[in-house]
Amino acid sequence: MKTKASKQQIEDMAAEIFELGSLSTLARTRARTGGDAMQLTETEFLALDSLVKQGPLSVGQIQKRVGVLPAQMSRIIRSLETKGDKPFVECSINPQDRRKIDVVLTDAGRASYEAYKTARLALTMQILADLGPEDRDEFIRILRTIRMHIANRLKIKQLQNSP
C-alpha cells in the first residue's frame, strides 16, 4: 500500500523524467541543424538499432520492434535505402516466404548508427561528468532497474539482459 508521501515522490520522479525527456528532445532538435550524424530521425535510428542488436530482420519484425504503422515503416526503410551517399540498409525478398522483405544493415548504416549514438551520448556524458563517483554508481544502479522494469513490461528480452 502506497502512502501519500510515496505517491507524491513517485509523481515528482515521473515529472522529473518527463522534464528530462523534454530537454533531451530540445537538445536533439537543436543539434539536428549540425553535422550529418544527427540527420537520422528517431524512428530511423530505432530501425538501425534493431538491426545492430538483432542482425538481419524482416520489415515486419522491425516495424513491431519500433512500434510504427506498416505504411510508416515502409517510408522509414525507403529513407534508409536512399539516405546518404550509400544505402544504410539493403532489402531483399525472403527466399522462404516471398511475401516478406528481409532488411540487412550495411557498413554505411552501421557507421551512421554509431555516429548518431556518439553524438547523442556526448551531451549526456558531459552532464553526468559533474556527478560524484557515489552518485554515478547509485544513478546507474537505479537506471538499470528502471530499464529492466520497462523491458519486462514491453517484453523485450534484449533490453532486459543488457549491461
Protein backbone atom coordinates (compact mmCIF):
# COMPACT_ATOMS: atom_id res chain seq x y z
CA MET A 1 0.00 0.00 0.00
CA LYS A 2 1.42 3.35 -1.03
CA THR A 3 1.31 6.25 1.37
CA LYS A 4 0.55 9.80 0.29
CA ALA A 5 4.23 10.67 0.69
CA SER A 6 5.40 7.82 -1.54
CA LYS A 7 2.70 8.67 -4.12
CA GLN A 8 3.97 12.25 -4.17
CA GLN A 9 7.56 11.03 -4.55
CA ILE A 10 6.54 8.86 -7.49
CA GLU A 11 4.71 11.79 -9.08
CA ASP A 12 7.76 14.03 -8.52
CA MET A 13 10.11 11.44 -10.07
CA ALA A 14 7.78 10.99 -13.05
CA ALA A 15 7.65 14.77 -13.53
CA GLU A 16 11.47 14.96 -13.44
CA ILE A 17 11.76 12.16 -16.02
CA PHE A 18 9.22 13.97 -18.21
CA GLU A 19 11.22 17.20 -17.95
CA LEU A 20 14.46 15.37 -18.77
CA GLY A 21 12.78 13.89 -21.83
CA SER A 22 11.57 17.31 -22.93
CA LEU A 23 15.03 18.84 -22.51
CA SER A 24 16.59 15.90 -24.34
CA THR A 25 14.20 16.38 -27.26
CA LEU A 26 15.03 20.10 -27.34
CA ALA A 27 18.77 19.33 -27.35
CA ARG A 28 18.33 16.84 -30.23
CA THR A 29 16.27 19.32 -32.21
CA ARG A 30 18.92 21.99 -31.80
CA ALA A 31 21.71 19.55 -32.67
CA ARG A 32 19.89 18.40 -35.80
CA THR A 33 20.93 21.61 -37.52
CA GLY A 34 24.55 20.47 -37.02
CA GLY A 35 26.50 17.63 -38.58
CA ASP A 36 25.45 14.62 -40.60
CA ALA A 37 25.34 12.34 -37.54
CA MET A 38 22.11 13.94 -36.39
CA GLN A 39 20.37 13.64 -39.76
CA LEU A 40 18.69 10.37 -38.74
CA THR A 41 15.20 10.60 -37.33
CA GLU A 42 14.39 8.83 -34.06
CA THR A 43 12.48 6.08 -35.88
CA GLU A 44 15.27 5.61 -38.42
CA PHE A 45 17.73 5.27 -35.55
CA LEU A 46 15.44 2.74 -33.82
CA ALA A 47 15.24 0.70 -37.04
CA LEU A 48 19.04 0.70 -37.34
CA ASP A 49 19.31 -0.12 -33.63
CA SER A 50 17.13 -3.20 -34.17
CA LEU A 51 19.39 -4.36 -36.98
CA VAL A 52 22.58 -3.68 -34.98
CA LYS A 53 21.30 -5.63 -31.99
CA GLN A 54 19.47 -8.49 -33.73
CA GLY A 55 21.02 -8.80 -37.16
CA PRO A 56 19.00 -9.15 -40.36
CA LEU A 57 15.25 -8.81 -39.76
CA SER A 58 12.12 -8.67 -41.86
CA VAL A 59 10.40 -5.32 -42.36
CA GLY A 60 7.55 -6.64 -40.20
CA GLN A 61 9.89 -7.56 -37.35
CA ILE A 62 11.46 -4.10 -37.40
CA GLN A 63 8.02 -2.50 -37.57
CA LYS A 64 6.87 -4.37 -34.47
CA ARG A 65 10.05 -3.51 -32.58
CA VAL A 66 9.93 0.20 -33.50
CA GLY A 67 6.16 0.39 -32.93
CA VAL A 68 5.01 2.22 -36.04
CA LEU A 69 2.31 1.54 -38.60
CA PRO A 70 3.21 -0.57 -41.67
CA ALA A 71 2.99 2.42 -44.02
CA GLN A 72 5.32 4.40 -41.76
CA MET A 73 7.78 1.51 -41.68
CA SER A 74 7.82 1.40 -45.48
CA ARG A 75 8.73 5.10 -45.58
CA ILE A 76 11.45 4.59 -42.95
CA ILE A 77 13.00 1.69 -44.88
CA ARG A 78 12.86 3.64 -48.16
CA SER A 79 14.54 6.58 -46.44
CA LEU A 80 17.30 4.36 -45.05
CA GLU A 81 17.85 2.92 -48.53
CA THR A 82 18.34 6.39 -50.07
CA LYS A 83 19.83 8.44 -47.22
CA GLY A 84 23.46 9.48 -47.61
CA ASP A 85 25.90 8.57 -50.36
CA LYS A 86 25.45 4.84 -49.80
CA PRO A 87 22.36 2.97 -48.55
CA PHE A 88 22.13 2.36 -44.81
CA VAL A 89 20.14 -0.85 -45.38
CA GLU A 90 19.68 -3.34 -48.18
CA CYS A 91 16.41 -5.14 -48.77
CA SER A 92 15.73 -8.47 -50.46
CA ILE A 93 12.82 -10.83 -50.83
CA ASN A 94 12.87 -13.59 -48.22
CA PRO A 95 13.64 -16.87 -50.05
CA GLN A 96 11.42 -18.94 -47.70
CA ASP A 97 8.44 -16.56 -47.78
CA ARG A 98 8.30 -14.31 -50.83
CA ARG A 99 5.72 -12.09 -49.09
CA LYS A 100 8.39 -10.89 -46.65
CA ILE A 101 11.20 -8.42 -47.20
CA ASP A 102 14.47 -9.02 -45.35
CA VAL A 103 16.50 -6.00 -44.27
CA VAL A 104 20.26 -6.05 -43.73
CA LEU A 105 22.39 -3.29 -42.21
CA THR A 106 25.17 -2.00 -44.47
CA ASP A 107 28.56 -0.66 -43.43
CA ALA A 108 27.27 2.86 -44.14
CA GLY A 109 24.25 2.17 -41.94
CA ARG A 110 26.42 0.94 -39.08
CA ALA A 111 28.68 4.00 -39.40
CA SER A 112 25.68 6.34 -39.36
CA TYR A 113 24.22 4.48 -36.37
CA GLU A 114 27.49 4.80 -34.44
CA ALA A 115 27.88 8.49 -35.33
CA TYR A 116 24.31 9.26 -34.24
CA LYS A 117 24.72 7.32 -30.99
CA THR A 118 28.05 9.03 -30.24
CA ALA A 119 26.57 12.47 -30.88
CA ARG A 120 23.56 11.70 -28.68
CA LEU A 121 25.75 10.41 -25.86
CA ALA A 122 28.21 13.33 -25.91
CA LEU A 123 25.96 15.87 -24.17
CA THR A 124 24.74 13.32 -21.65
CA MET A 125 28.31 12.34 -20.81
CA GLN A 126 29.28 15.98 -20.25
CA ILE A 127 26.40 16.44 -17.84
CA LEU A 128 26.98 13.16 -15.98
CA ALA A 129 30.67 14.01 -15.52
CA ASP A 130 29.54 16.64 -12.98
CA LEU A 131 28.22 13.90 -10.65
CA GLY A 132 30.45 12.45 -7.95
CA PRO A 133 31.52 8.77 -8.12
CA GLU A 134 29.00 7.61 -5.49
CA ASP A 135 26.16 9.46 -7.22
CA ARG A 136 27.17 7.91 -10.56
CA ASP A 137 27.18 4.39 -9.09
CA GLU A 138 23.75 4.91 -7.49
CA PHE A 139 22.36 6.53 -10.64
CA ILE A 140 23.46 3.66 -12.90
CA ARG A 141 22.01 1.12 -10.46
CA ILE A 142 18.66 2.91 -10.49
CA LEU A 143 18.67 3.35 -14.28
CA ARG A 144 19.36 -0.35 -14.83
CA THR A 145 16.49 -1.25 -12.50
CA ILE A 146 14.13 1.11 -14.34
CA ARG A 147 15.27 -0.18 -17.75
CA MET A 148 14.67 -3.78 -16.61
CA HIS A 149 11.13 -2.92 -15.47
CA ILE A 150 10.37 -1.14 -18.75
CA ALA A 151 11.78 -4.04 -20.79
CA ASN A 152 9.73 -6.51 -18.77
CA ARG A 153 6.56 -4.51 -19.41
CA LEU A 154 7.35 -4.30 -23.12
CA LYS A 155 8.52 -7.94 -23.16
CA ILE A 156 11.81 -7.01 -24.81
CA LYS A 157 14.44 -9.58 -23.87
CA GLN A 158 17.34 -7.64 -25.45
CA LEU A 159 16.84 -4.72 -23.05
CA GLN A 160 16.34 -6.93 -20.02
CA ASN A 161 19.76 -8.52 -20.36
CA SER A 162 21.84 -5.51 -21.44
CA PRO A 163 24.62 -4.31 -19.12
